[in-house]
Amino acid sequence: MWLLNKEAFDKSGLAYGIGHAVYTKSDPRTALLKEMARPLAEEKGRSKEYEFYQRVEKIAIETIYKTKGKHKTLCANVDFYSGFVYDLIGIPMEIYTPLFAMARIVGWCAHRNEELNFEGRRIIRPAYRCVTDERGYIKMKDR
């Protein structure tokens, strides 16, 4: 609960990877990624870690409901499992943020074009924030 009460991590009160502005009942991308992650984790001998992600997903949603109420249906978003899958397929952690950005840059550009071309209409989009710990990025060999 300390995370949700803005007492830990980046003090935002957010559980990153849980919830989505558009996908409120479920994120279809997450369902596919989660389904693909299971056999990959089994192949790599990391099934226990996959099960851990599933438990964290369930507990995080339950805890948010308990702390903030159930005024909105929550689900894991695609970013919840993506880092785990990136690691399973051997992508270096330093590449995660550029991959995240590359997948979204067309949408960001479209939003900017709308801002410039449609005066008076407010465009709503998520903010981007890169989060690291006090040591910076944790290298793969440090885990």
N, C-alpha and C. Protein backbone atom coordinates (compact mmCIF):
# COMPACT_ATOMS: atom_id res chain seq x y z
N MET A 1 0.82 -1.19 0.00
CA MET A 1 0.00 0.00 0.00
C MET A 1 0.86 1.26 0.00
N TRP A 2 2.11 1.15 0.49
CA TRP A 2 3.00 2.31 0.54
C TRP A 2 3.27 2.86 -0.84
N LEU A 3 3.27 2.00 -1.86
CA LEU A 3 3.46 2.48 -3.24
C LEU A 3 2.28 3.33 -3.67
N LEU A 4 1.07 2.84 -3.41
CA LEU A 4 -0.13 3.56 -3.83
C LEU A 4 -0.37 4.82 -3.02
N ASN A 5 0.17 4.88 -1.81
CA ASN A 5 0.04 6.06 -0.96
C ASN A 5 1.14 7.09 -1.23
N LYS A 6 1.85 6.92 -2.33
CA LYS A 6 2.91 7.86 -2.76
C LYS A 6 4.06 7.95 -1.77
N GLU A 7 4.36 6.83 -1.11
CA GLU A 7 5.45 6.80 -0.13
C GLU A 7 6.69 6.08 -0.63
N ALA A 8 6.64 5.51 -1.84
CA ALA A 8 7.77 4.70 -2.31
C ALA A 8 8.03 4.95 -3.79
N PHE A 9 9.15 4.43 -4.24
CA PHE A 9 9.59 4.45 -5.62
C PHE A 9 9.67 5.88 -6.12
N ASP A 10 8.87 6.27 -7.11
CA ASP A 10 8.96 7.63 -7.63
C ASP A 10 7.89 8.55 -7.02
N LYS A 11 7.19 8.03 -6.02
CA LYS A 11 6.18 8.78 -5.26
C LYS A 11 5.02 9.29 -6.12
N SER A 12 4.72 8.56 -7.20
CA SER A 12 3.61 8.94 -8.07
C SER A 12 2.30 8.31 -7.60
N GLY A 13 2.41 7.23 -6.82
CA GLY A 13 1.22 6.50 -6.41
C GLY A 13 0.71 5.56 -7.48
N LEU A 14 1.51 5.37 -8.53
CA LEU A 14 1.10 4.52 -9.64
C LEU A 14 1.80 3.17 -9.58
N ALA A 15 1.08 2.14 -9.99
CA ALA A 15 1.66 0.81 -10.16
C ALA A 15 1.86 0.65 -11.67
N TYR A 16 3.05 0.93 -12.15
CA TYR A 16 3.32 0.90 -13.59
C TYR A 16 3.04 -0.49 -14.15
N GLY A 17 2.36 -0.52 -15.29
CA GLY A 17 1.99 -1.78 -15.92
C GLY A 17 0.58 -2.21 -15.57
N ILE A 18 -0.06 -1.50 -14.65
CA ILE A 18 -1.44 -1.81 -14.27
C ILE A 18 -2.31 -0.62 -14.63
N GLY A 19 -3.38 -0.89 -15.38
CA GLY A 19 -4.31 0.16 -15.79
C GLY A 19 -3.94 0.74 -17.15
N HIS A 20 -4.95 1.24 -17.83
CA HIS A 20 -4.75 1.83 -19.15
C HIS A 20 -5.87 2.84 -19.38
N ALA A 21 -5.54 3.94 -20.03
CA ALA A 21 -6.52 5.00 -20.26
C ALA A 21 -7.63 4.57 -21.23
N VAL A 22 -7.31 3.73 -22.18
CA VAL A 22 -8.28 3.32 -23.19
C VAL A 22 -8.82 1.92 -22.92
N TYR A 23 -7.92 0.96 -22.70
CA TYR A 23 -8.34 -0.41 -22.42
C TYR A 23 -8.71 -0.52 -20.94
N THR A 24 -9.97 -0.47 -20.65
CA THR A 24 -10.38 -0.48 -19.24
C THR A 24 -10.80 -1.86 -18.74
N LYS A 25 -11.34 -2.68 -19.62
CA LYS A 25 -11.74 -4.03 -19.18
C LYS A 25 -10.60 -5.03 -19.37
N SER A 26 -9.91 -4.93 -20.48
CA SER A 26 -8.72 -5.75 -20.71
C SER A 26 -7.94 -5.12 -21.86
N ASP A 27 -6.65 -5.39 -21.87
CA ASP A 27 -5.77 -4.91 -22.93
C ASP A 27 -5.49 -6.11 -23.82
N PRO A 28 -6.04 -6.15 -25.03
CA PRO A 28 -5.86 -7.33 -25.88
C PRO A 28 -4.39 -7.62 -26.20
N ARG A 29 -3.57 -6.59 -26.22
CA ARG A 29 -2.14 -6.79 -26.46
C ARG A 29 -1.51 -7.57 -25.32
N THR A 30 -1.96 -7.28 -24.09
CA THR A 30 -1.43 -7.98 -22.92
C THR A 30 -1.79 -9.45 -22.96
N ALA A 31 -3.03 -9.74 -23.33
CA ALA A 31 -3.47 -11.14 -23.39
C ALA A 31 -2.57 -11.94 -24.35
N LEU A 32 -2.26 -11.36 -25.49
CA LEU A 32 -1.39 -12.04 -26.46
C LEU A 32 0.03 -12.20 -25.93
N LEU A 33 0.58 -11.13 -25.38
CA LEU A 33 1.94 -11.16 -24.87
C LEU A 33 2.07 -12.15 -23.71
N LYS A 34 1.09 -12.15 -22.83
CA LYS A 34 1.09 -13.06 -21.68
C LYS A 34 1.01 -14.51 -22.16
N GLU A 35 0.18 -14.75 -23.15
CA GLU A 35 0.03 -16.10 -23.72
C GLU A 35 1.34 -16.57 -24.36
N MET A 36 2.02 -15.66 -25.04
CA MET A 36 3.29 -16.00 -25.68
C MET A 36 4.43 -16.14 -24.66
N ALA A 37 4.32 -15.42 -23.55
CA ALA A 37 5.39 -15.44 -22.54
C ALA A 37 5.48 -16.78 -21.81
N ARG A 38 4.35 -17.46 -21.61
CA ARG A 38 4.36 -18.72 -20.85
C ARG A 38 5.28 -19.77 -21.47
N PRO A 39 5.07 -20.16 -22.75
CA PRO A 39 5.96 -21.19 -23.31
C PRO A 39 7.41 -20.72 -23.42
N LEU A 40 7.59 -19.44 -23.65
CA LEU A 40 8.95 -18.91 -23.72
C LEU A 40 9.64 -19.02 -22.36
N ALA A 41 8.92 -18.69 -21.29
CA ALA A 41 9.47 -18.82 -19.94
C ALA A 41 9.77 -20.28 -19.62
N GLU A 42 8.88 -21.18 -20.03
CA GLU A 42 9.12 -22.62 -19.81
C GLU A 42 10.38 -23.07 -20.53
N GLU A 43 10.51 -22.63 -21.79
CA GLU A 43 11.68 -22.98 -22.60
C GLU A 43 12.98 -22.49 -21.95
N LYS A 44 12.93 -21.33 -21.32
CA LYS A 44 14.12 -20.74 -20.71
C LYS A 44 14.31 -21.17 -19.26
N GLY A 45 13.42 -22.02 -18.75
CA GLY A 45 13.54 -22.47 -17.35
C GLY A 45 13.16 -21.39 -16.36
N ARG A 46 12.25 -20.50 -16.75
CA ARG A 46 11.88 -19.38 -15.88
C ARG A 46 10.38 -19.34 -15.59
N SER A 47 9.78 -20.52 -15.50
CA SER A 47 8.34 -20.62 -15.24
C SER A 47 7.95 -20.00 -13.91
N LYS A 48 8.79 -20.17 -12.90
CA LYS A 48 8.48 -19.59 -11.57
C LYS A 48 8.41 -18.07 -11.65
N GLU A 49 9.27 -17.47 -12.44
CA GLU A 49 9.26 -16.02 -12.63
C GLU A 49 7.98 -15.58 -13.34
N TYR A 50 7.55 -16.36 -14.33
CA TYR A 50 6.30 -16.07 -15.03
C TYR A 50 5.13 -16.12 -14.04
N GLU A 51 5.11 -17.16 -13.22
CA GLU A 51 4.05 -17.29 -12.21
C GLU A 51 4.07 -16.12 -11.24
N PHE A 52 5.27 -15.64 -10.91
CA PHE A 52 5.41 -14.47 -10.05
C PHE A 52 4.75 -13.25 -10.69
N TYR A 53 4.99 -13.03 -11.97
CA TYR A 53 4.34 -11.93 -12.68
C TYR A 53 2.82 -12.05 -12.60
N GLN A 54 2.30 -13.25 -12.79
CA GLN A 54 0.86 -13.46 -12.71
C GLN A 54 0.33 -13.10 -11.31
N ARG A 55 1.05 -13.51 -10.27
CA ARG A 55 0.63 -13.20 -8.90
C ARG A 55 0.69 -11.70 -8.64
N VAL A 56 1.76 -11.04 -9.09
CA VAL A 56 1.88 -9.59 -8.89
C VAL A 56 0.74 -8.88 -9.61
N GLU A 57 0.42 -9.29 -10.82
CA GLU A 57 -0.68 -8.69 -11.57
C GLU A 57 -1.98 -8.78 -10.76
N LYS A 58 -2.29 -9.97 -10.27
CA LYS A 58 -3.52 -10.20 -9.50
C LYS A 58 -3.53 -9.39 -8.20
N ILE A 59 -2.43 -9.46 -7.45
CA ILE A 59 -2.36 -8.77 -6.16
C ILE A 59 -2.37 -7.26 -6.34
N ALA A 60 -1.68 -6.75 -7.37
CA ALA A 60 -1.66 -5.30 -7.61
C ALA A 60 -3.06 -4.77 -7.86
N ILE A 61 -3.81 -5.46 -8.70
CA ILE A 61 -5.17 -5.01 -9.01
C ILE A 61 -6.04 -5.08 -7.76
N GLU A 62 -5.96 -6.17 -7.00
CA GLU A 62 -6.73 -6.29 -5.76
C GLU A 62 -6.37 -5.18 -4.77
N THR A 63 -5.08 -4.89 -4.65
CA THR A 63 -4.62 -3.87 -3.71
C THR A 63 -5.08 -2.47 -4.12
N ILE A 64 -5.04 -2.19 -5.41
CA ILE A 64 -5.51 -0.88 -5.90
C ILE A 64 -7.00 -0.74 -5.59
N TYR A 65 -7.78 -1.79 -5.84
CA TYR A 65 -9.21 -1.74 -5.52
C TYR A 65 -9.43 -1.50 -4.04
N LYS A 66 -8.65 -2.19 -3.22
CA LYS A 66 -8.79 -2.06 -1.77
C LYS A 66 -8.41 -0.65 -1.30
N THR A 67 -7.38 -0.08 -1.91
CA THR A 67 -6.86 1.23 -1.49
C THR A 67 -7.64 2.40 -2.08
N LYS A 68 -7.95 2.31 -3.37
CA LYS A 68 -8.55 3.45 -4.06
C LYS A 68 -10.01 3.25 -4.45
N GLY A 69 -10.53 2.06 -4.19
CA GLY A 69 -11.92 1.77 -4.56
C GLY A 69 -11.99 1.16 -5.94
N LYS A 70 -13.16 0.63 -6.26
CA LYS A 70 -13.34 -0.07 -7.53
C LYS A 70 -14.18 0.77 -8.49
N HIS A 71 -13.84 2.04 -8.62
CA HIS A 71 -14.59 2.93 -9.50
C HIS A 71 -14.26 2.72 -10.97
N LYS A 72 -13.21 1.97 -11.26
CA LYS A 72 -12.77 1.72 -12.64
C LYS A 72 -12.23 0.29 -12.71
N THR A 73 -12.60 -0.43 -13.76
CA THR A 73 -12.06 -1.78 -13.95
C THR A 73 -10.60 -1.66 -14.36
N LEU A 74 -9.75 -2.44 -13.68
CA LEU A 74 -8.32 -2.41 -13.97
C LEU A 74 -7.86 -3.71 -14.62
N CYS A 75 -6.80 -3.59 -15.41
CA CYS A 75 -6.17 -4.75 -16.00
C CYS A 75 -4.69 -4.42 -16.18
N ALA A 76 -3.90 -5.46 -16.39
CA ALA A 76 -2.49 -5.23 -16.72
C ALA A 76 -2.45 -4.66 -18.13
N ASN A 77 -1.50 -3.76 -18.38
CA ASN A 77 -1.34 -3.25 -19.73
C ASN A 77 -0.15 -3.94 -20.40
N VAL A 78 0.05 -3.68 -21.67
CA VAL A 78 1.06 -4.40 -22.44
C VAL A 78 2.47 -4.23 -21.85
N ASP A 79 2.72 -3.12 -21.20
CA ASP A 79 4.05 -2.89 -20.64
C ASP A 79 4.35 -3.77 -19.42
N PHE A 80 3.31 -4.33 -18.79
CA PHE A 80 3.53 -5.15 -17.60
C PHE A 80 4.40 -6.37 -17.93
N TYR A 81 4.12 -7.05 -19.03
CA TYR A 81 4.87 -8.25 -19.39
C TYR A 81 5.98 -7.99 -20.40
N SER A 82 6.02 -6.83 -21.03
CA SER A 82 6.97 -6.61 -22.13
C SER A 82 8.43 -6.68 -21.68
N GLY A 83 8.77 -6.10 -20.54
CA GLY A 83 10.16 -6.17 -20.07
C GLY A 83 10.61 -7.60 -19.80
N PHE A 84 9.70 -8.39 -19.24
CA PHE A 84 10.00 -9.80 -18.97
C PHE A 84 10.26 -10.53 -20.29
N VAL A 85 9.41 -10.29 -21.29
CA VAL A 85 9.58 -10.94 -22.59
C VAL A 85 10.87 -10.46 -23.26
N TYR A 86 11.15 -9.16 -23.18
CA TYR A 86 12.40 -8.66 -23.75
C TYR A 86 13.58 -9.40 -23.14
N ASP A 87 13.56 -9.58 -21.82
CA ASP A 87 14.64 -10.27 -21.13
C ASP A 87 14.72 -11.73 -21.58
N LEU A 88 13.57 -12.38 -21.71
CA LEU A 88 13.54 -13.79 -22.13
C LEU A 88 14.16 -13.99 -23.51
N ILE A 89 13.98 -13.02 -24.40
CA ILE A 89 14.53 -13.18 -25.75
C ILE A 89 15.91 -12.54 -25.91
N GLY A 90 16.47 -12.07 -24.78
CA GLY A 90 17.86 -11.62 -24.79
C GLY A 90 18.10 -10.19 -25.20
N ILE A 91 17.08 -9.36 -25.18
CA ILE A 91 17.28 -7.95 -25.52
C ILE A 91 17.92 -7.25 -24.32
N PRO A 92 19.00 -6.51 -24.52
CA PRO A 92 19.65 -5.81 -23.41
C PRO A 92 18.74 -4.74 -22.80
N MET A 93 18.80 -4.59 -21.50
CA MET A 93 17.93 -3.65 -20.79
C MET A 93 18.07 -2.22 -21.30
N GLU A 94 19.26 -1.85 -21.75
CA GLU A 94 19.47 -0.50 -22.27
C GLU A 94 18.62 -0.20 -23.50
N ILE A 95 18.11 -1.22 -24.15
CA ILE A 95 17.32 -1.05 -25.37
C ILE A 95 15.82 -0.95 -25.06
N TYR A 96 15.38 -1.28 -23.84
CA TYR A 96 13.94 -1.30 -23.51
C TYR A 96 13.29 0.05 -23.77
N THR A 97 13.86 1.13 -23.27
CA THR A 97 13.25 2.46 -23.45
C THR A 97 13.22 2.88 -24.92
N PRO A 98 14.31 2.69 -25.68
CA PRO A 98 14.21 3.02 -27.10
C PRO A 98 13.14 2.19 -27.83
N LEU A 99 12.98 0.91 -27.47
CA LEU A 99 11.92 0.09 -28.08
C LEU A 99 10.55 0.66 -27.74
N PHE A 100 10.37 1.02 -26.48
CA PHE A 100 9.11 1.62 -26.02
C PHE A 100 8.82 2.87 -26.85
N ALA A 101 9.82 3.73 -27.00
CA ALA A 101 9.63 4.98 -27.72
C ALA A 101 9.38 4.75 -29.21
N MET A 102 10.13 3.84 -29.81
CA MET A 102 9.96 3.58 -31.25
C MET A 102 8.54 3.10 -31.56
N ALA A 103 7.99 2.30 -30.68
CA ALA A 103 6.64 1.78 -30.90
C ALA A 103 5.58 2.88 -30.81
N ARG A 104 5.90 3.98 -30.17
CA ARG A 104 4.92 5.03 -29.94
C ARG A 104 5.16 6.32 -30.71
N ILE A 105 6.31 6.44 -31.36
CA ILE A 105 6.68 7.73 -31.95
C ILE A 105 5.72 8.18 -33.06
N VAL A 106 5.19 7.26 -33.83
CA VAL A 106 4.24 7.65 -34.89
C VAL A 106 3.00 8.28 -34.25
N GLY A 107 2.52 7.67 -33.17
CA GLY A 107 1.36 8.23 -32.47
C GLY A 107 1.66 9.58 -31.86
N TRP A 108 2.85 9.72 -31.28
CA TRP A 108 3.24 11.01 -30.71
C TRP A 108 3.27 12.08 -31.81
N CYS A 109 3.82 11.74 -32.97
CA CYS A 109 3.89 12.69 -34.09
C CYS A 109 2.48 13.06 -34.56
N ALA A 110 1.60 12.07 -34.63
CA ALA A 110 0.22 12.33 -35.05
C ALA A 110 -0.45 13.29 -34.07
N HIS A 111 -0.23 13.07 -32.77
CA HIS A 111 -0.80 13.97 -31.76
C HIS A 111 -0.26 15.38 -31.93
N ARG A 112 1.03 15.50 -32.18
CA ARG A 112 1.63 16.83 -32.36
C ARG A 112 1.05 17.51 -33.59
N ASN A 113 0.90 16.76 -34.68
CA ASN A 113 0.29 17.34 -35.89
C ASN A 113 -1.13 17.82 -35.61
N GLU A 114 -1.88 17.05 -34.83
CA GLU A 114 -3.24 17.47 -34.47
C GLU A 114 -3.22 18.75 -33.64
N GLU A 115 -2.26 18.84 -32.72
CA GLU A 115 -2.14 20.06 -31.91
C GLU A 115 -1.88 21.28 -32.79
N LEU A 116 -1.04 21.10 -33.79
CA LEU A 116 -0.67 22.22 -34.66
C LEU A 116 -1.77 22.57 -35.66
N ASN A 117 -2.56 21.58 -36.06
CA ASN A 117 -3.54 21.79 -37.13
C ASN A 117 -4.99 21.95 -36.69
N PHE A 118 -5.29 21.66 -35.46
CA PHE A 118 -6.67 21.76 -35.00
C PHE A 118 -6.74 22.67 -33.77
N GLU A 119 -6.60 23.96 -33.99
CA GLU A 119 -6.60 24.93 -32.90
C GLU A 119 -7.90 24.85 -32.11
N GLY A 120 -7.76 25.00 -30.82
CA GLY A 120 -8.93 25.03 -29.95
C GLY A 120 -9.41 23.67 -29.49
N ARG A 121 -8.94 22.60 -30.12
CA ARG A 121 -9.33 21.26 -29.68
C ARG A 121 -8.22 20.68 -28.83
N ARG A 122 -8.58 20.23 -27.67
CA ARG A 122 -7.59 19.69 -26.75
C ARG A 122 -7.31 18.23 -27.08
N ILE A 123 -6.05 17.89 -27.20
CA ILE A 123 -5.62 16.51 -27.44
C ILE A 123 -5.14 15.95 -26.10
N ILE A 124 -5.66 14.80 -25.72
CA ILE A 124 -5.24 14.19 -24.46
C ILE A 124 -4.40 12.96 -24.79
N ARG A 125 -3.23 12.89 -24.21
CA ARG A 125 -2.34 11.74 -24.41
C ARG A 125 -1.53 11.52 -23.13
N PRO A 126 -1.06 10.31 -22.94
CA PRO A 126 -0.27 10.03 -21.74
C PRO A 126 1.05 10.78 -21.74
N ALA A 127 1.53 11.12 -20.58
CA ALA A 127 2.85 11.73 -20.44
C ALA A 127 3.89 10.62 -20.46
N TYR A 128 5.09 10.93 -20.86
CA TYR A 128 6.18 9.97 -20.87
C TYR A 128 7.15 10.32 -19.76
N ARG A 129 7.51 9.32 -18.98
CA ARG A 129 8.48 9.53 -17.92
C ARG A 129 9.39 8.32 -17.85
N CYS A 130 10.69 8.53 -17.94
CA CYS A 130 11.65 7.44 -17.83
C CYS A 130 11.99 7.29 -16.35
N VAL A 131 11.84 6.10 -15.82
CA VAL A 131 12.06 5.87 -14.39
C VAL A 131 13.28 4.98 -14.21
N THR A 132 14.20 5.43 -13.38
CA THR A 132 15.37 4.63 -13.02
C THR A 132 15.52 4.66 -11.51
N ASP A 133 16.31 3.76 -11.00
CA ASP A 133 16.56 3.82 -9.56
C ASP A 133 17.76 4.73 -9.30
N GLU A 134 18.16 4.84 -8.04
CA GLU A 134 19.24 5.78 -7.69
C GLU A 134 20.57 5.41 -8.33
N ARG A 135 20.72 4.16 -8.77
CA ARG A 135 21.97 3.73 -9.42
C ARG A 135 21.92 3.90 -10.92
N GLY A 136 20.77 4.30 -11.47
CA GLY A 136 20.62 4.35 -12.92
C GLY A 136 20.09 3.02 -13.41
N TYR A 137 20.31 2.71 -14.66
CA TYR A 137 19.82 1.45 -15.22
C TYR A 137 20.60 0.28 -14.63
N ILE A 138 19.91 -0.78 -14.37
CA ILE A 138 20.55 -1.99 -13.84
C ILE A 138 20.96 -2.85 -15.03
N LYS A 139 22.23 -3.11 -15.14
CA LYS A 139 22.74 -3.90 -16.26
C LYS A 139 22.28 -5.35 -16.12
N MET A 140 22.15 -6.04 -17.25
CA MET A 140 21.71 -7.43 -17.25
C MET A 140 22.59 -8.30 -16.36
N LYS A 141 23.91 -8.10 -16.39
CA LYS A 141 24.82 -8.94 -15.62
C LYS A 141 24.68 -8.68 -14.11
N ASP A 142 24.07 -7.57 -13.71
CA ASP A 142 23.91 -7.24 -12.29
C ASP A 142 22.73 -7.96 -11.64
N ARG A 143 21.93 -8.63 -12.43
CA ARG A 143 20.74 -9.27 -11.86
C ARG A 143 21.03 -10.63 -11.35
